[in-house]
N, C-alpha and C. Protein backbone atom coordinates (compact mmCIF):
# COMPACT_ATOMS: atom_id res chain seq x y z
N MET A 1 0.93 -1.04 -0.06
CA MET A 1 0.13 -0.12 0.15
C MET A 1 0.76 1.28 0.19
N PRO A 2 0.74 1.96 -0.84
CA PRO A 2 1.26 3.59 -0.90
C PRO A 2 1.19 4.38 0.37
N ASP A 3 2.30 5.14 0.79
CA ASP A 3 2.07 5.95 1.70
C ASP A 3 1.43 7.29 1.23
N GLY A 4 0.12 7.28 1.28
CA GLY A 4 -0.82 8.34 0.89
C GLY A 4 -0.89 9.01 2.05
N PRO A 5 -1.28 10.49 1.64
CA PRO A 5 -1.84 11.36 2.72
C PRO A 5 -3.25 10.95 3.27
N GLY A 6 -3.58 11.28 4.52
CA GLY A 6 -5.01 11.23 5.01
C GLY A 6 -5.01 9.90 5.80
N ILE A 7 -5.97 9.60 6.40
CA ILE A 7 -6.50 8.47 6.98
C ILE A 7 -7.43 7.55 6.15
N TRP A 8 -7.70 6.27 6.45
CA TRP A 8 -8.55 5.28 6.27
C TRP A 8 -9.58 5.16 6.80
N GLU A 9 -10.85 5.22 6.12
CA GLU A 9 -12.25 4.60 6.83
C GLU A 9 -12.72 3.82 5.66
N PRO A 10 -12.32 2.57 5.86
CA PRO A 10 -12.75 1.59 4.42
C PRO A 10 -14.22 1.24 4.50
N LEU A 11 -14.74 1.36 3.46
CA LEU A 11 -15.96 0.69 3.11
C LEU A 11 -16.17 -0.73 3.63
N SER A 12 -17.25 -1.02 4.10
CA SER A 12 -17.62 -2.37 4.57
C SER A 12 -17.58 -3.30 3.17
N VAL A 13 -17.78 -4.32 3.53
CA VAL A 13 -18.10 -5.53 2.35
C VAL A 13 -19.29 -5.34 1.65
N GLU A 14 -20.43 -4.83 2.57
CA GLU A 14 -21.71 -4.54 1.96
C GLU A 14 -21.75 -3.16 1.34
N GLY A 15 -20.90 -2.11 1.82
CA GLY A 15 -20.73 -1.08 1.17
C GLY A 15 -20.16 -1.01 -0.34
N VAL A 16 -19.23 -2.02 -0.49
CA VAL A 16 -18.60 -2.34 -1.61
C VAL A 16 -19.63 -2.69 -2.71
N ALA A 17 -20.39 -3.79 -2.23
CA ALA A 17 -21.20 -4.38 -2.97
C ALA A 17 -22.36 -3.39 -3.37
N ASP A 18 -22.80 -2.52 -2.50
CA ASP A 18 -23.81 -1.41 -3.17
C ASP A 18 -23.30 -0.30 -3.92
N LEU A 19 -21.80 -0.23 -3.55
CA LEU A 19 -21.36 0.93 -4.55
C LEU A 19 -21.32 0.34 -6.02
N LEU A 20 -20.95 -1.09 -6.26
CA LEU A 20 -20.26 -1.58 -7.40
C LEU A 20 -21.58 -2.65 -7.98
N GLN A 21 -22.67 -2.61 -7.34
CA GLN A 21 -23.67 -3.36 -7.78
C GLN A 21 -24.01 -3.03 -9.37
N ASP A 22 -24.45 -4.27 -10.15
CA ASP A 22 -24.85 -3.98 -11.26
C ASP A 22 -23.84 -3.63 -12.30
N MET A 23 -22.31 -3.58 -11.97
CA MET A 23 -21.34 -3.35 -12.83
C MET A 23 -21.28 -4.50 -14.02
N PRO A 24 -21.17 -4.16 -15.21
CA PRO A 24 -21.19 -4.95 -16.14
C PRO A 24 -20.15 -6.05 -16.21
N THR A 25 -19.08 -5.53 -15.64
CA THR A 25 -17.65 -6.31 -15.47
C THR A 25 -17.21 -6.74 -14.10
N PRO A 26 -16.42 -7.82 -14.00
CA PRO A 26 -16.26 -8.32 -12.80
C PRO A 26 -15.35 -7.76 -11.99
N TRP A 27 -15.73 -7.69 -10.60
CA TRP A 27 -14.51 -7.23 -9.65
C TRP A 27 -14.85 -8.32 -8.43
N TRP A 28 -13.71 -8.05 -7.77
CA TRP A 28 -13.52 -9.20 -6.60
C TRP A 28 -13.01 -8.54 -5.12
N ILE A 29 -13.85 -8.56 -4.07
CA ILE A 29 -12.97 -8.33 -2.84
C ILE A 29 -12.03 -9.07 -2.67
N ALA A 30 -10.95 -8.45 -2.41
CA ALA A 30 -9.64 -9.17 -2.30
C ALA A 30 -8.89 -8.53 -0.91
N GLY A 31 -7.55 -8.96 -0.82
CA GLY A 31 -6.78 -8.50 0.52
C GLY A 31 -7.33 -9.57 1.61
N GLY A 32 -7.18 -8.94 2.77
CA GLY A 32 -7.45 -9.76 3.90
C GLY A 32 -8.75 -9.95 4.14
N TRP A 33 -9.55 -8.95 3.69
CA TRP A 33 -11.15 -9.56 3.40
C TRP A 33 -11.31 -10.79 2.94
N ALA A 34 -10.80 -10.75 1.63
CA ALA A 34 -11.20 -11.96 0.87
C ALA A 34 -10.78 -13.24 1.65
N LEU A 35 -9.61 -13.26 2.48
CA LEU A 35 -9.47 -14.36 3.27
C LEU A 35 -10.58 -14.73 4.33
N ASP A 36 -10.96 -13.70 5.05
CA ASP A 36 -11.89 -13.74 6.17
C ASP A 36 -13.49 -14.24 5.56
N LEU A 37 -13.61 -13.68 4.53
CA LEU A 37 -14.79 -14.10 3.81
C LEU A 37 -14.71 -15.61 3.61
N HIS A 38 -13.62 -15.83 3.19
CA HIS A 38 -13.24 -17.38 2.81
C HIS A 38 -13.63 -18.13 3.96
N LEU A 39 -13.04 -17.81 5.05
CA LEU A 39 -13.12 -18.74 6.27
C LEU A 39 -14.57 -18.33 7.07
N GLY A 40 -15.23 -17.37 6.95
CA GLY A 40 -16.64 -17.06 7.42
C GLY A 40 -16.28 -16.78 8.80
N ARG A 41 -15.30 -16.07 9.07
CA ARG A 41 -14.98 -15.30 10.22
C ARG A 41 -13.74 -14.29 10.54
N HIS A 42 -14.22 -13.29 11.16
CA HIS A 42 -13.11 -11.99 11.24
C HIS A 42 -12.10 -12.53 11.98
N THR A 43 -10.73 -12.65 11.31
CA THR A 43 -9.48 -12.99 12.02
C THR A 43 -8.54 -11.73 12.76
N ARG A 44 -8.84 -10.77 11.86
CA ARG A 44 -7.94 -9.43 12.21
C ARG A 44 -8.63 -8.07 11.80
N ALA A 45 -8.10 -7.05 12.36
CA ALA A 45 -8.76 -5.86 12.00
C ALA A 45 -8.17 -5.69 10.48
N HIS A 46 -8.71 -4.90 9.53
CA HIS A 46 -8.25 -4.60 8.23
C HIS A 46 -8.12 -3.08 8.00
N ASP A 47 -6.95 -2.52 7.68
CA ASP A 47 -6.76 -0.93 7.56
C ASP A 47 -7.34 -0.52 6.50
N ASP A 48 -7.88 -1.62 5.38
CA ASP A 48 -8.38 -0.77 3.91
C ASP A 48 -9.44 -1.71 3.49
N MET A 49 -9.80 -1.41 2.21
CA MET A 49 -10.56 -2.24 1.60
C MET A 49 -9.94 -2.45 0.27
N ASP A 50 -9.66 -3.88 -0.19
CA ASP A 50 -9.25 -3.95 -1.56
C ASP A 50 -10.11 -4.18 -2.43
N VAL A 51 -10.31 -4.35 -3.75
CA VAL A 51 -10.97 -4.65 -4.64
C VAL A 51 -10.05 -4.90 -5.90
N LEU A 52 -10.21 -6.06 -6.57
CA LEU A 52 -9.29 -6.32 -7.63
C LEU A 52 -10.21 -6.17 -8.86
N VAL A 53 -9.73 -5.50 -9.78
CA VAL A 53 -10.27 -5.08 -11.13
C VAL A 53 -9.22 -5.63 -12.11
N LEU A 54 -9.89 -5.71 -13.58
CA LEU A 54 -8.96 -5.73 -14.62
C LEU A 54 -8.83 -4.53 -15.21
N ARG A 55 -7.54 -4.36 -15.70
CA ARG A 55 -7.27 -3.21 -16.41
C ARG A 55 -8.00 -2.94 -17.63
N ARG A 56 -8.50 -4.08 -18.41
CA ARG A 56 -9.39 -3.92 -19.78
C ARG A 56 -10.81 -3.05 -19.01
N ASP A 57 -10.89 -3.14 -17.71
CA ASP A 57 -12.50 -2.51 -17.67
C ASP A 57 -12.32 -1.31 -16.81
N LEU A 58 -11.16 -0.67 -16.79
CA LEU A 58 -11.01 0.47 -15.75
C LEU A 58 -12.01 1.69 -16.02
N ALA A 59 -12.15 1.71 -17.45
CA ALA A 59 -12.89 3.22 -17.81
C ALA A 59 -14.28 2.79 -17.37
N GLY A 60 -14.98 1.67 -17.31
CA GLY A 60 -16.40 1.41 -16.51
C GLY A 60 -16.17 1.68 -15.07
N PHE A 61 -15.20 1.40 -14.30
CA PHE A 61 -14.87 1.87 -12.81
C PHE A 61 -14.81 3.15 -12.76
N HIS A 62 -13.94 3.95 -13.52
CA HIS A 62 -13.92 5.23 -13.45
C HIS A 62 -15.16 6.05 -13.58
N HIS A 63 -15.95 5.48 -14.63
CA HIS A 63 -17.26 6.13 -14.92
C HIS A 63 -18.06 6.02 -13.57
N ARG A 64 -18.20 4.75 -12.88
CA ARG A 64 -19.06 4.71 -12.02
C ARG A 64 -18.61 5.13 -10.52
N LEU A 65 -17.25 5.67 -10.68
CA LEU A 65 -16.82 6.38 -9.39
C LEU A 65 -16.42 7.79 -9.90
N ARG A 66 -17.01 8.22 -10.86
CA ARG A 66 -16.68 9.69 -11.71
C ARG A 66 -16.85 10.89 -10.71
N THR A 67 -17.85 10.67 -9.63
CA THR A 67 -18.21 11.81 -8.63
C THR A 67 -17.05 11.63 -7.50
N TRP A 68 -16.09 10.57 -7.48
CA TRP A 68 -15.31 10.51 -6.33
C TRP A 68 -13.88 11.09 -6.66
N ASP A 69 -13.17 11.08 -5.71
CA ASP A 69 -11.81 11.53 -5.73
C ASP A 69 -10.73 10.55 -5.83
N LEU A 70 -10.27 10.34 -7.06
CA LEU A 70 -9.39 9.23 -7.42
C LEU A 70 -8.21 9.29 -7.61
N HIS A 71 -6.98 8.77 -7.02
CA HIS A 71 -5.67 8.87 -7.07
C HIS A 71 -5.01 7.41 -7.81
N ALA A 72 -4.16 7.65 -8.45
CA ALA A 72 -3.54 6.48 -8.93
C ALA A 72 -2.10 6.48 -8.08
N ALA A 73 -1.63 5.28 -8.07
CA ALA A 73 -0.33 5.18 -7.35
C ALA A 73 0.66 5.04 -8.40
N ASP A 74 1.35 6.27 -8.57
CA ASP A 74 2.41 5.77 -9.63
C ASP A 74 3.57 5.53 -8.96
N PRO A 75 4.21 4.34 -9.50
CA PRO A 75 5.70 3.66 -8.71
C PRO A 75 6.78 4.75 -8.38
N PRO A 76 7.23 4.73 -7.18
CA PRO A 76 7.24 3.44 -6.24
C PRO A 76 5.92 3.90 -5.32
N GLY A 77 4.98 4.50 -5.75
CA GLY A 77 3.72 4.63 -4.76
C GLY A 77 3.23 6.01 -4.37
N VAL A 78 3.61 6.88 -5.38
CA VAL A 78 3.15 8.44 -5.28
C VAL A 78 1.89 8.42 -5.52
N LEU A 79 0.98 9.08 -4.95
CA LEU A 79 -0.35 9.44 -5.35
C LEU A 79 -0.46 10.60 -6.37
N ARG A 80 -1.44 10.63 -7.08
CA ARG A 80 -1.63 11.81 -7.84
C ARG A 80 -3.09 11.44 -8.66
N PRO A 81 -3.68 12.68 -8.87
CA PRO A 81 -5.05 12.69 -9.29
C PRO A 81 -5.01 11.47 -10.57
N TRP A 82 -6.07 10.87 -10.55
CA TRP A 82 -6.65 10.05 -12.09
C TRP A 82 -7.71 10.85 -12.38
N HIS A 83 -7.60 11.47 -13.49
CA HIS A 83 -8.35 12.44 -14.24
C HIS A 83 -9.57 11.54 -15.27
N LEU A 84 -10.67 11.57 -15.33
CA LEU A 84 -11.54 10.85 -16.13
C LEU A 84 -11.32 11.18 -17.54
N GLY A 85 -10.99 9.76 -18.19
CA GLY A 85 -10.77 9.71 -19.69
C GLY A 85 -9.12 9.30 -19.72
N GLU A 86 -8.50 9.50 -18.84
CA GLU A 86 -6.85 9.09 -18.54
C GLU A 86 -6.73 7.63 -18.56
N THR A 87 -6.09 7.25 -19.59
CA THR A 87 -5.63 5.81 -19.51
C THR A 87 -4.27 5.73 -18.96
N LEU A 88 -4.31 5.00 -17.75
CA LEU A 88 -3.26 4.71 -16.99
C LEU A 88 -2.17 3.92 -17.59
N PRO A 89 -1.02 4.21 -17.21
CA PRO A 89 0.31 3.34 -17.75
C PRO A 89 0.05 2.06 -16.99
N ARG A 90 0.79 0.99 -17.88
CA ARG A 90 0.73 -0.19 -17.30
C ARG A 90 1.53 -0.44 -15.66
N GLU A 91 2.13 0.48 -15.47
CA GLU A 91 2.96 0.45 -14.41
C GLU A 91 2.27 0.69 -12.98
N VAL A 92 1.00 1.11 -13.39
CA VAL A 92 -0.05 1.47 -12.06
C VAL A 92 -0.92 0.53 -11.77
N HIS A 93 -0.77 -0.22 -10.56
CA HIS A 93 -1.61 -1.36 -10.16
C HIS A 93 -2.35 -0.72 -8.81
N ASP A 94 -2.47 0.30 -8.58
CA ASP A 94 -3.53 0.73 -7.22
C ASP A 94 -3.92 2.25 -7.57
N ILE A 95 -5.03 2.09 -7.34
CA ILE A 95 -6.13 3.30 -7.29
C ILE A 95 -6.65 3.70 -5.87
N TRP A 96 -6.23 4.74 -5.25
CA TRP A 96 -7.02 4.75 -4.17
C TRP A 96 -7.96 5.95 -4.34
N CYS A 97 -9.19 5.63 -3.79
CA CYS A 97 -10.67 6.13 -3.79
C CYS A 97 -11.25 6.81 -2.50
N ARG A 98 -11.67 7.82 -2.42
CA ARG A 98 -12.36 8.62 -1.52
C ARG A 98 -13.63 9.27 -2.07
N PRO A 99 -14.66 9.65 -1.38
CA PRO A 99 -16.06 9.91 -1.84
C PRO A 99 -15.66 11.57 -2.33
N GLU A 100 -14.52 12.24 -1.63
CA GLU A 100 -14.29 13.54 -1.97
C GLU A 100 -12.95 14.15 -1.53
N PRO A 101 -12.41 15.18 -2.01
CA PRO A 101 -11.16 15.40 -1.37
C PRO A 101 -11.09 15.72 0.00
N GLY A 102 -10.09 15.49 0.74
CA GLY A 102 -10.11 15.71 2.20
C GLY A 102 -10.70 14.71 3.00
N SER A 103 -11.75 13.62 2.44
CA SER A 103 -12.33 12.69 3.19
C SER A 103 -11.33 11.36 3.35
N PRO A 104 -11.50 10.59 4.36
CA PRO A 104 -10.95 9.58 4.61
C PRO A 104 -10.77 8.70 3.18
N TRP A 105 -9.94 7.73 2.84
CA TRP A 105 -9.86 7.07 1.85
C TRP A 105 -10.81 5.85 2.12
N ALA A 106 -11.52 5.32 1.15
CA ALA A 106 -12.58 4.37 1.40
C ALA A 106 -12.26 2.96 0.84
N LEU A 107 -11.61 3.15 -0.34
CA LEU A 107 -11.62 1.98 -1.14
C LEU A 107 -9.99 1.85 -1.86
N GLN A 108 -9.54 0.83 -2.28
CA GLN A 108 -8.44 0.72 -3.05
C GLN A 108 -8.33 -0.30 -4.03
N LEU A 109 -8.64 0.17 -5.36
CA LEU A 109 -8.62 -0.64 -6.67
C LEU A 109 -7.36 -1.19 -6.94
N MET A 110 -7.28 -2.40 -7.04
CA MET A 110 -5.95 -3.30 -7.14
C MET A 110 -6.29 -3.70 -8.83
N VAL A 111 -5.36 -3.46 -9.64
CA VAL A 111 -5.43 -3.60 -11.24
C VAL A 111 -4.67 -4.45 -11.52
N ASP A 112 -5.18 -5.34 -12.23
CA ASP A 112 -4.45 -6.76 -12.58
C ASP A 112 -4.69 -6.67 -14.24
N ASP A 113 -3.87 -7.19 -14.81
CA ASP A 113 -3.61 -7.25 -16.30
C ASP A 113 -4.73 -8.73 -16.67
N SER A 114 -4.89 -8.75 -17.91
CA SER A 114 -5.64 -9.98 -18.44
C SER A 114 -5.11 -10.17 -20.04
N ALA A 115 -5.23 -11.30 -20.14
CA ALA A 115 -5.08 -11.87 -22.07
C ALA A 115 -6.07 -12.53 -22.48
N ASP A 116 -6.68 -12.01 -23.20
CA ASP A 116 -8.09 -12.89 -23.68
C ASP A 116 -8.81 -13.07 -22.50
N ASP A 117 -9.03 -14.22 -22.04
CA ASP A 117 -9.76 -14.57 -20.82
C ASP A 117 -9.16 -14.95 -19.80
N GLU A 118 -7.95 -14.79 -19.95
CA GLU A 118 -6.97 -15.42 -18.65
C GLU A 118 -6.65 -14.15 -18.01
N TRP A 119 -6.64 -14.20 -16.53
CA TRP A 119 -6.19 -13.33 -15.56
C TRP A 119 -4.35 -13.48 -15.57
N VAL A 120 -3.87 -12.39 -15.52
CA VAL A 120 -2.06 -12.80 -15.51
C VAL A 120 -1.52 -12.48 -14.28
N TYR A 121 -0.89 -12.89 -13.49
CA TYR A 121 -0.07 -12.50 -12.40
C TYR A 121 0.99 -11.38 -12.65
N ARG A 122 0.93 -10.36 -12.13
CA ARG A 122 1.77 -9.12 -12.42
C ARG A 122 3.01 -9.28 -12.04
N ARG A 123 3.63 -10.45 -11.27
CA ARG A 123 4.89 -10.77 -10.99
C ARG A 123 5.73 -11.72 -11.57
N ASP A 124 4.69 -12.59 -12.56
CA ASP A 124 5.14 -13.48 -13.38
C ASP A 124 4.34 -13.95 -14.40
N PRO A 125 4.24 -13.35 -15.67
CA PRO A 125 3.22 -13.45 -16.71
C PRO A 125 2.89 -15.09 -17.08
N CYS A 126 3.73 -15.95 -16.44
CA CYS A 126 3.81 -17.39 -16.87
C CYS A 126 2.69 -17.99 -16.01
N ILE A 127 2.29 -17.31 -14.93
CA ILE A 127 0.92 -17.81 -14.12
C ILE A 127 -0.10 -17.16 -14.49
N ARG A 128 -0.90 -17.79 -14.92
CA ARG A 128 -2.37 -17.38 -15.33
C ARG A 128 -3.33 -18.14 -15.01
N ARG A 129 -4.59 -17.75 -15.12
CA ARG A 129 -5.66 -18.35 -14.83
C ARG A 129 -6.94 -18.20 -15.41
N PRO A 130 -8.06 -18.52 -15.81
CA PRO A 130 -9.01 -18.09 -16.52
C PRO A 130 -9.91 -17.21 -15.47
N VAL A 131 -10.09 -15.98 -16.22
CA VAL A 131 -11.13 -14.99 -15.41
C VAL A 131 -12.08 -15.64 -14.81
N CYS A 132 -12.93 -16.51 -15.28
CA CYS A 132 -13.92 -17.05 -14.77
C CYS A 132 -13.72 -17.99 -13.44
N GLN A 133 -12.48 -18.38 -13.32
CA GLN A 133 -12.09 -19.09 -11.97
C GLN A 133 -11.28 -18.28 -10.93
N LEU A 134 -11.39 -17.01 -10.88
CA LEU A 134 -10.95 -16.19 -10.07
C LEU A 134 -11.65 -15.92 -8.68
N ALA A 135 -12.80 -16.39 -8.95
CA ALA A 135 -13.87 -16.12 -7.74
C ALA A 135 -13.71 -17.39 -6.83
N GLY A 136 -13.62 -17.26 -5.60
CA GLY A 136 -13.42 -18.28 -4.67
C GLY A 136 -14.85 -18.77 -4.01
N PRO A 137 -14.93 -19.97 -3.13
CA PRO A 137 -16.21 -20.20 -2.87
C PRO A 137 -17.05 -19.43 -1.93
N ALA A 138 -16.49 -18.12 -1.29
CA ALA A 138 -17.10 -17.27 -0.47
C ALA A 138 -17.96 -16.50 -1.26
N SER A 139 -18.00 -16.30 -2.83
CA SER A 139 -18.69 -15.56 -3.58
C SER A 139 -20.29 -15.95 -3.54
N ASN A 140 -21.00 -14.84 -3.83
CA ASN A 140 -22.54 -15.04 -3.76
C ASN A 140 -22.91 -14.34 -4.86
N GLY A 141 -24.42 -14.04 -4.96
CA GLY A 141 -24.60 -13.31 -5.88
C GLY A 141 -24.59 -11.91 -6.13
N THR A 142 -24.45 -11.30 -4.81
CA THR A 142 -24.07 -9.95 -4.93
C THR A 142 -22.71 -9.26 -4.88
N ARG A 143 -21.67 -10.42 -4.90
CA ARG A 143 -20.33 -10.05 -4.56
C ARG A 143 -19.50 -11.27 -5.39
N LEU A 144 -18.37 -10.93 -5.71
CA LEU A 144 -17.44 -11.95 -5.84
C LEU A 144 -16.22 -11.94 -5.04
N VAL A 145 -15.48 -12.93 -4.45
CA VAL A 145 -14.62 -12.75 -3.39
C VAL A 145 -13.31 -13.58 -4.06
N LEU A 146 -11.99 -12.86 -4.17
CA LEU A 146 -11.11 -13.54 -4.98
C LEU A 146 -10.66 -14.99 -4.30
N ALA A 147 -10.69 -15.80 -4.91
CA ALA A 147 -9.97 -17.27 -4.39
C ALA A 147 -8.83 -17.13 -3.38
N PRO A 148 -8.78 -17.98 -2.41
CA PRO A 148 -7.87 -17.60 -1.39
C PRO A 148 -6.49 -17.93 -1.83
N GLU A 149 -6.32 -19.03 -2.89
CA GLU A 149 -5.18 -19.35 -3.00
C GLU A 149 -4.55 -18.26 -4.04
N VAL A 150 -5.25 -17.52 -4.88
CA VAL A 150 -4.84 -16.58 -5.65
C VAL A 150 -4.00 -15.26 -4.81
N GLN A 151 -5.21 -14.89 -3.61
CA GLN A 151 -4.86 -13.77 -2.84
C GLN A 151 -3.35 -14.27 -1.86
N LEU A 152 -3.31 -15.59 -1.30
CA LEU A 152 -2.24 -16.03 -0.73
C LEU A 152 -1.04 -15.64 -1.92
N LEU A 153 -1.04 -15.95 -3.07
CA LEU A 153 -0.01 -15.95 -3.82
C LEU A 153 0.50 -14.49 -3.92
N TYR A 154 -0.40 -13.56 -3.90
CA TYR A 154 0.04 -12.01 -3.81
C TYR A 154 0.82 -11.81 -2.49
N LYS A 155 0.23 -12.38 -1.51
CA LYS A 155 0.79 -12.08 0.22
C LYS A 155 1.98 -13.08 0.25
N SER A 156 2.40 -13.79 -0.62
CA SER A 156 3.84 -14.28 -0.44
C SER A 156 4.95 -13.73 -0.69
N HIS A 157 4.95 -12.53 -1.17
CA HIS A 157 6.25 -11.52 -1.60
C HIS A 157 5.64 -10.22 -1.63
N PRO A 158 6.06 -9.39 -0.88
CA PRO A 158 7.01 -9.57 0.31
C PRO A 158 6.44 -10.27 1.39
N LEU A 159 6.85 -11.19 2.17
CA LEU A 159 6.36 -12.05 3.21
C LEU A 159 6.09 -11.07 4.61
N LEU A 160 5.31 -10.28 4.81
CA LEU A 160 5.13 -9.66 6.11
C LEU A 160 4.41 -10.66 7.15
N SER A 161 4.61 -10.27 8.58
CA SER A 161 4.11 -10.95 9.53
C SER A 161 2.55 -11.14 9.23
N LYS A 162 2.00 -10.41 9.08
CA LYS A 162 0.47 -10.43 8.75
C LYS A 162 -0.03 -11.28 7.76
N ASP A 163 0.73 -11.25 6.72
CA ASP A 163 0.42 -12.15 5.75
C ASP A 163 0.93 -13.72 5.86
N ASP A 164 2.05 -13.98 6.68
CA ASP A 164 2.25 -15.38 7.49
C ASP A 164 1.21 -15.75 8.10
N ALA A 165 0.60 -15.05 8.92
CA ALA A 165 -0.28 -15.35 9.71
C ALA A 165 -1.96 -15.90 9.07
N ASP A 166 -1.96 -14.93 8.09
CA ASP A 166 -3.09 -15.10 6.93
C ASP A 166 -3.22 -16.55 6.54
N PHE A 167 -1.80 -16.76 5.98
CA PHE A 167 -1.35 -18.08 5.52
C PHE A 167 -1.95 -19.23 6.20
N ARG A 168 -1.57 -19.03 7.40
CA ARG A 168 -1.57 -20.09 8.54
C ARG A 168 -3.13 -20.23 9.12
N ASN A 169 -3.67 -19.01 9.15
CA ASN A 169 -5.24 -19.14 9.22
C ASN A 169 -6.12 -19.79 8.14
N VAL A 170 -5.36 -19.76 6.94
CA VAL A 170 -6.37 -20.37 5.68
C VAL A 170 -5.82 -21.54 5.14
N VAL A 171 -4.51 -21.92 5.23
CA VAL A 171 -3.99 -22.98 4.60
C VAL A 171 -4.86 -24.46 4.81
N GLY A 172 -5.31 -24.57 6.08
CA GLY A 172 -6.06 -25.59 6.28
C GLY A 172 -7.41 -25.71 5.64
N SER A 173 -7.87 -24.63 5.34
CA SER A 173 -9.16 -24.78 4.41
C SER A 173 -9.25 -24.98 3.04
N LEU A 174 -7.73 -24.81 2.60
CA LEU A 174 -7.92 -24.82 1.04
C LEU A 174 -8.35 -26.26 0.45
N ASP A 175 -8.89 -26.14 -0.54
CA ASP A 175 -9.27 -27.83 -1.04
C ASP A 175 -8.07 -28.26 -1.97
N ARG A 176 -8.45 -29.27 -2.47
CA ARG A 176 -7.01 -29.79 -3.22
C ARG A 176 -6.71 -28.93 -4.18
N HIS A 177 -7.55 -28.50 -5.31
CA HIS A 177 -7.31 -27.42 -6.27
C HIS A 177 -6.54 -26.46 -5.90
N GLY A 178 -7.22 -25.64 -4.77
CA GLY A 178 -6.41 -24.47 -4.38
C GLY A 178 -4.94 -24.66 -4.04
N ARG A 179 -4.77 -25.68 -3.23
CA ARG A 179 -3.44 -26.26 -2.57
C ARG A 179 -2.65 -26.67 -3.51
N ASP A 180 -3.11 -27.32 -4.51
CA ASP A 180 -2.08 -27.59 -5.71
C ASP A 180 -1.86 -26.47 -6.44
N TRP A 181 -2.63 -25.69 -6.84
CA TRP A 181 -2.39 -24.20 -7.55
C TRP A 181 -1.39 -23.50 -6.83
N LEU A 182 -1.62 -23.06 -5.51
CA LEU A 182 -0.55 -22.20 -5.01
C LEU A 182 0.55 -22.83 -4.62
N ARG A 183 0.84 -24.36 -4.64
CA ARG A 183 1.99 -24.99 -4.60
C ARG A 183 2.75 -24.86 -5.84
N ALA A 184 2.11 -25.12 -7.11
CA ALA A 184 2.75 -24.81 -8.22
C ALA A 184 3.34 -23.53 -8.53
N ALA A 185 2.41 -22.54 -8.07
CA ALA A 185 2.58 -21.17 -8.71
C ALA A 185 3.90 -20.79 -7.72
N LEU A 186 4.12 -21.26 -6.49
CA LEU A 186 5.28 -20.73 -5.74
C LEU A 186 6.50 -21.57 -6.13
N PHE A 187 6.34 -22.85 -6.43
CA PHE A 187 7.16 -23.37 -7.13
C PHE A 187 7.82 -22.68 -8.39
N LEU A 188 7.19 -22.03 -9.10
CA LEU A 188 7.61 -21.16 -10.28
C LEU A 188 8.30 -19.89 -9.87
N VAL A 189 7.85 -19.12 -8.91
CA VAL A 189 8.25 -17.66 -8.75
C VAL A 189 9.05 -17.91 -7.51
N ALA A 190 9.05 -18.78 -6.49
CA ALA A 190 9.88 -18.90 -5.46
C ALA A 190 9.94 -20.21 -4.83
N PRO A 191 11.04 -20.89 -5.42
CA PRO A 191 11.08 -22.29 -5.05
C PRO A 191 11.55 -22.54 -3.73
N GLY A 192 12.16 -21.84 -3.05
CA GLY A 192 12.34 -21.87 -1.65
C GLY A 192 11.59 -21.23 -0.76
N HIS A 193 10.42 -20.99 -1.08
CA HIS A 193 9.45 -20.35 -0.12
C HIS A 193 9.25 -21.01 0.92
N ALA A 194 9.00 -20.70 2.06
CA ALA A 194 8.86 -21.23 3.47
C ALA A 194 7.32 -22.02 3.55
N TRP A 195 6.48 -21.43 2.65
CA TRP A 195 5.08 -22.06 2.71
C TRP A 195 5.00 -23.31 2.06
N LEU A 196 6.04 -23.59 1.30
CA LEU A 196 5.88 -24.82 0.33
C LEU A 196 6.06 -26.09 1.27
N ALA A 197 6.64 -26.08 2.44
CA ALA A 197 6.60 -27.11 3.14
C ALA A 197 5.10 -27.25 3.73
N GLU A 198 4.29 -26.63 3.93
CA GLU A 198 3.06 -26.71 4.47
C GLU A 198 1.86 -26.84 3.62
N LEU A 199 2.37 -27.01 2.30
CA LEU A 199 1.45 -27.29 1.25
C LEU A 199 1.59 -28.53 0.47
């Protein structure tokens, strides 16, 4: 998360669902909330609210949030306004959103790339997954929740203490497919990763 000005008062899961309802393109609750929703319980406090979107769909999300104050996080994490109609460079993967200037940040859009109908892992484009398989079992009719194995892959590097705790909370609940997918992905990008022994 970039070092942005101001404080956070993140939207609730229900608030995100209300804000983005009826979007014609998919979006997924991500971050620590995705894992808590997968587990069906609250495991820790969450400082923000992450929603994964695909770069190809950004224009639609910008239109939906056109009355909000939106800031792109230019690498290495400098926030600057994202103006309506602007196409973001491929290096931008985070958009901070708040209802108006000066109000607390409420939502962070995490921007991922895709190729045809496949999601592409930003840290290694060899890792892909059909977009239709990004949603995990915690999804329902009003929201999609990122599959826990995909979220854990993002949390695997850099490995922060909260991310390691998230892994230990979730690993036992992964189904065979999710466990095998995460193991294969980690073997490819981090063959010495500490989580492999538990997968």
